[in-house]
Protein backbone atom coordinates (compact mmCIF):
# COMPACT_ATOMS: atom_id res chain seq x y z
CA MET A 1 52.49 -4.03 -6.59
CA MET A 2 50.57 -1.72 -8.84
CA LEU A 3 47.10 -1.82 -9.63
CA LEU A 4 46.05 -0.83 -13.43
CA PHE A 5 42.32 0.86 -13.33
CA LYS A 6 40.69 0.30 -16.56
CA LYS A 7 40.21 4.40 -18.41
CA PRO A 8 35.97 4.98 -18.89
CA ILE A 9 35.37 4.67 -22.69
CA GLU A 10 34.67 9.40 -23.23
CA GLU A 11 31.91 10.21 -25.62
CA ARG A 12 33.55 10.34 -29.15
CA THR A 13 32.36 12.84 -32.08
CA GLY A 14 33.19 12.91 -35.23
CA GLY A 15 34.64 9.65 -37.67
CA SER A 16 33.71 7.58 -40.42
CA VAL A 17 31.78 4.51 -39.21
CA PRO A 18 28.03 4.87 -39.49
CA VAL A 19 26.15 4.07 -36.24
CA TYR A 20 22.58 3.69 -37.12
CA LEU A 21 19.40 2.32 -34.58
CA ASN A 22 16.88 0.41 -35.89
CA VAL A 23 13.82 0.20 -34.70
CA TYR A 24 11.26 -2.36 -34.23
CA ASP A 25 7.45 -2.75 -33.10
CA LEU A 26 6.89 -4.14 -29.57
CA THR A 27 2.86 -4.12 -30.25
CA ALA A 28 0.44 -3.29 -33.33
CA ILE A 29 -0.96 -0.63 -31.52
CA ASN A 30 2.22 0.91 -32.85
CA GLY A 31 0.65 0.92 -36.76
CA TYR A 32 -1.76 4.10 -35.41
CA ALA A 33 0.43 5.37 -31.92
CA TYR A 34 3.17 6.30 -34.48
CA TRP A 35 1.27 8.97 -36.22
CA PHE A 36 0.88 10.17 -32.75
CA GLY A 37 4.07 9.72 -31.90
CA LEU A 38 3.86 7.78 -29.37
CA GLY A 39 4.22 3.71 -29.35
CA VAL A 40 5.91 1.46 -27.70
CA PHE A 41 9.60 0.42 -29.67
CA HIS A 42 12.20 -2.15 -29.38
CA SER A 43 15.98 -0.93 -30.90
CA GLY A 44 19.20 -2.16 -30.75
CA VAL A 45 22.19 -0.04 -32.16
CA GLN A 46 24.27 -0.80 -35.01
CA VAL A 47 27.66 -0.64 -35.57
CA HIS A 48 30.50 -2.09 -38.09
CA GLY A 49 27.45 -4.74 -38.92
CA VAL A 50 26.59 -6.05 -35.63
CA GLU A 51 23.54 -5.04 -33.77
CA TYR A 52 23.63 -4.46 -29.92
CA ALA A 53 20.60 -4.95 -28.32
CA PHE A 54 19.25 -4.97 -23.77
CA GLY A 55 16.99 -7.33 -22.44
CA ALA A 56 16.01 -8.36 -19.44
CA HIS A 57 17.03 -12.03 -17.72
CA GLU A 58 16.75 -13.35 -13.82
CA ARG A 59 20.75 -13.36 -13.81
CA SER A 60 23.27 -10.56 -12.23
CA THR A 61 25.36 -11.44 -15.54
CA THR A 62 25.23 -8.63 -18.82
CA GLY A 63 22.39 -7.99 -20.42
CA ILE A 64 23.35 -6.35 -23.84
CA PHE A 65 23.64 -9.22 -26.30
CA GLU A 66 24.29 -9.41 -30.51
CA GLY A 67 22.48 -9.83 -33.40
CA VAL A 68 22.42 -9.53 -37.46
CA PRO A 69 20.82 -5.75 -37.93
CA LYS A 70 16.94 -5.50 -38.46
CA GLN A 71 16.66 -9.38 -37.32
CA CYS A 72 15.80 -9.47 -33.69
CA ASP A 73 14.10 -12.40 -32.69
CA GLY A 74 10.58 -11.33 -31.74
CA PHE A 75 9.99 -7.71 -33.19
CA ARG A 76 8.79 -6.44 -36.00
CA PHE A 77 11.37 -4.13 -37.86
CA ARG A 78 9.79 -0.55 -38.49
CA LYS A 79 12.73 1.73 -39.49
CA THR A 80 16.66 2.71 -39.12
CA VAL A 81 18.25 6.24 -38.08
CA LEU A 82 20.98 7.39 -38.92
CA VAL A 83 22.28 8.75 -35.56
CA GLY A 84 26.45 9.91 -36.06
CA LYS A 85 29.24 8.85 -37.20
CA THR A 86 32.30 7.10 -34.81
CA ASP A 87 36.07 6.39 -35.18
CA MET A 88 36.03 3.21 -32.72
CA LYS A 89 36.85 -0.22 -33.78
CA PRO A 90 35.20 -3.18 -33.53
CA THR A 91 37.78 -4.25 -30.63
CA GLU A 92 36.93 -0.57 -29.20
CA VAL A 93 33.16 -1.26 -29.24
CA ARG A 94 33.13 -4.38 -27.87
CA ALA A 95 34.93 -2.40 -25.18
CA LEU A 96 32.30 0.17 -24.91
CA MET A 97 29.60 -3.16 -24.60
CA ASP A 98 32.16 -4.88 -21.58
CA GLU A 99 31.89 -1.15 -19.72
CA LEU A 100 28.08 -0.42 -19.99
CA ALA A 101 27.69 -4.56 -19.00
CA GLN A 102 28.34 -3.31 -15.51
CA SER A 103 24.97 -0.66 -15.60
CA TYR A 104 22.93 -3.39 -18.15
CA LYS A 105 22.71 -6.61 -15.79
CA GLY A 106 19.38 -9.36 -17.44
CA ASN A 107 18.49 -8.66 -13.88
CA ALA A 108 18.53 -4.70 -13.48
CA TYR A 109 15.78 -4.31 -16.67
CA ASN A 110 12.81 -2.02 -15.57
CA LEU A 111 11.00 -1.51 -18.82
CA ILE A 112 9.83 2.37 -17.17
CA THR A 113 14.06 2.94 -16.09
CA LYS A 114 15.92 1.37 -18.06
CA ASN A 115 15.16 -0.86 -21.13
CA CYS A 116 16.37 -1.13 -24.34
CA ASN A 117 16.24 2.47 -25.77
CA HIS A 118 17.89 3.76 -22.09
CA PHE A 119 20.76 1.73 -23.22
CA CYS A 120 21.07 2.23 -26.94
CA ASN A 121 20.78 6.08 -26.47
CA ASP A 122 23.87 5.36 -23.48
CA ALA A 123 25.37 3.59 -26.51
CA CYS A 124 24.68 6.09 -28.66
CA VAL A 125 25.84 8.76 -26.77
CA LYS A 126 29.19 7.28 -26.02
CA LEU A 127 29.96 6.14 -29.61
CA THR A 128 28.75 9.50 -31.74
CA GLY A 129 27.74 12.71 -28.99
CA ASN A 130 24.64 12.10 -30.02
CA SER A 131 20.87 10.94 -28.47
CA ILE A 132 18.70 9.10 -30.41
CA PRO A 133 15.30 10.35 -31.57
CA ASN A 134 12.71 11.45 -28.93
CA TRP A 135 10.32 9.57 -29.97
CA VAL A 136 11.74 6.01 -29.55
CA ASN A 137 11.34 6.18 -26.01
CA ARG A 138 9.14 9.11 -25.20
CA LEU A 139 6.26 6.28 -23.25
CA ALA A 140 8.39 5.67 -21.17
CA ARG A 141 9.72 9.49 -20.02
CA ILE A 142 5.39 10.00 -19.94
CA VAL A 143 5.33 7.94 -17.91
CA THR A 144 8.16 8.60 -15.82
CA LEU A 145 6.88 12.46 -15.36
CA ASN A 146 3.71 11.07 -14.25
CA SER A 147 4.87 8.89 -11.03
CA THR A 148 7.12 11.61 -9.95
CA ARG A 149 4.32 14.28 -10.08
CA ILE A 150 2.26 11.37 -8.61
CA ARG A 151 5.02 11.29 -6.02
CA HIS A 152 5.70 14.79 -5.57
CA HIS A 153 1.67 16.05 -4.86
CA ASN A 154 1.31 12.35 -2.55
CA ARG A 155 4.44 14.54 -0.25
CA ILE A 156 2.30 17.73 -0.38
CA GLU A 157 -0.27 16.36 0.87
CA ASP A 158 1.21 13.85 2.95
CA LYS A 159 2.80 17.35 4.64
CA VAL A 160 -0.64 19.32 4.41
CA VAL A 161 -2.25 16.44 6.87
CA THR A 162 0.71 16.57 9.55
CA MET A 163 0.52 20.73 9.78
CA GLU A 164 -2.93 20.00 9.88
CA THR A 165 -2.62 17.47 12.76
CA LYS A 166 -0.18 19.37 14.95
CA LYS A 167 -2.96 22.74 14.44
CA GLU A 168 -5.57 20.59 16.23
CA LEU A 169 -3.18 19.39 18.83
CA THR A 170 -2.15 23.05 19.83
CA ASN A 171 -5.72 23.86 19.56
CA GLU A 172 -6.75 21.41 21.92
CA SER A 173 -4.14 22.27 24.58
CA THR A 174 -5.22 25.83 24.33
CA LYS A 175 -8.80 25.11 25.43
CA THR A 176 -7.36 22.58 28.63
CA PRO A 177 -9.73 24.12 31.36
CA SER A 178 -7.13 25.76 34.06
CA SER A 179 -6.75 24.17 37.82
CA ASP A 180 -9.60 26.44 39.02
CA SER A 181 -12.21 25.91 36.78
CA THR A 182 -11.75 22.52 36.93
CA SER A 183 -13.04 22.07 40.61
CA SER A 184 -16.52 19.97 40.98
CA PRO A 185 -20.13 21.71 41.26
CA SER A 186 -20.27 20.38 44.11
CA SER A 187 -17.19 21.88 45.80
CA ALA A 188 -18.50 25.46 44.42
CA VAL A 189 -22.29 24.96 45.90
CA CYS A 190 -20.23 24.42 49.32
CA ARG A 191 -18.31 27.20 49.25
CA GLY A 192 -20.98 29.58 48.08
CA ARG A 193 -23.25 28.09 51.06
CA THR A 194 -20.24 28.96 53.82
CA ARG A 195 -20.42 31.86 52.32
CA THR A 196 -24.29 32.89 52.72
CA ARG A 197 -25.52 34.36 56.06
CA ARG A 198 -28.12 33.25 57.45
CA ALA A 199 -30.89 35.68 58.22
CA PRO A 200 -31.43 35.90 62.48
CA PRO A 201 -35.08 34.53 63.82
CA PRO A 202 -37.36 36.82 64.17
CA CYS A 203 -38.01 38.56 68.07
CA SER A 204 -40.37 36.80 69.93
CA PRO A 205 -43.52 38.75 71.36
CA LEU A 206 -44.12 40.58 74.59
CA PRO A 207 -46.59 38.35 77.01
CA SER A 208 -49.69 40.42 77.38
CA HIS A 209 -49.11 40.31 80.94
CA SER A 210 -46.29 42.06 81.09
CA LEU A 211 -47.65 45.25 79.59
CA SER A 212 -50.50 46.08 81.89
CA SER A 213 -48.72 45.34 84.73
CA SER A 214 -46.04 47.99 83.81
CA SER A 215 -49.03 50.07 82.74
């Protein structure tokens, strides 16, 4: 029996069909943050008159959905960016979405590491060979970078604490007294007494009558 494996769709460069990125505001504060290169955005990829996007749900099925361009419910449309062009036909684009669906399941959605902008970037790279603009997903990258730095800093602190603990244990082991010095003070005193020599008693004086008799 022959097993047929589906060949992954490779990146395309060039073509005649435009590929757009439709960007939406997630919050009203984007009206100010946008001009500082920040903001929280939703995005979708428009190709062949259909907009593809990625969203969250609790099931392990695909989170990719399609809709009318520039009219994603729940978001306010901001702008369209021409990412590039592709030579894929509509059936090939749908096949690409089926391939991306294996990675972009609804219950795999993460606002920082796997959101709608990550999906759009992967789709645009496959369609055109070009990435989406950096500012669209900049906030997620900033949070990811800071989280990585914090984890790295914590690992360094753990190593320092471990090294200090080992050093203290080593110092304590070198300070342990030897068996000679661990003998009790009483035994040392006893040994000192055994070595002390007592002075001989004084000689008793001869009786006075013996002196007179000798004379």
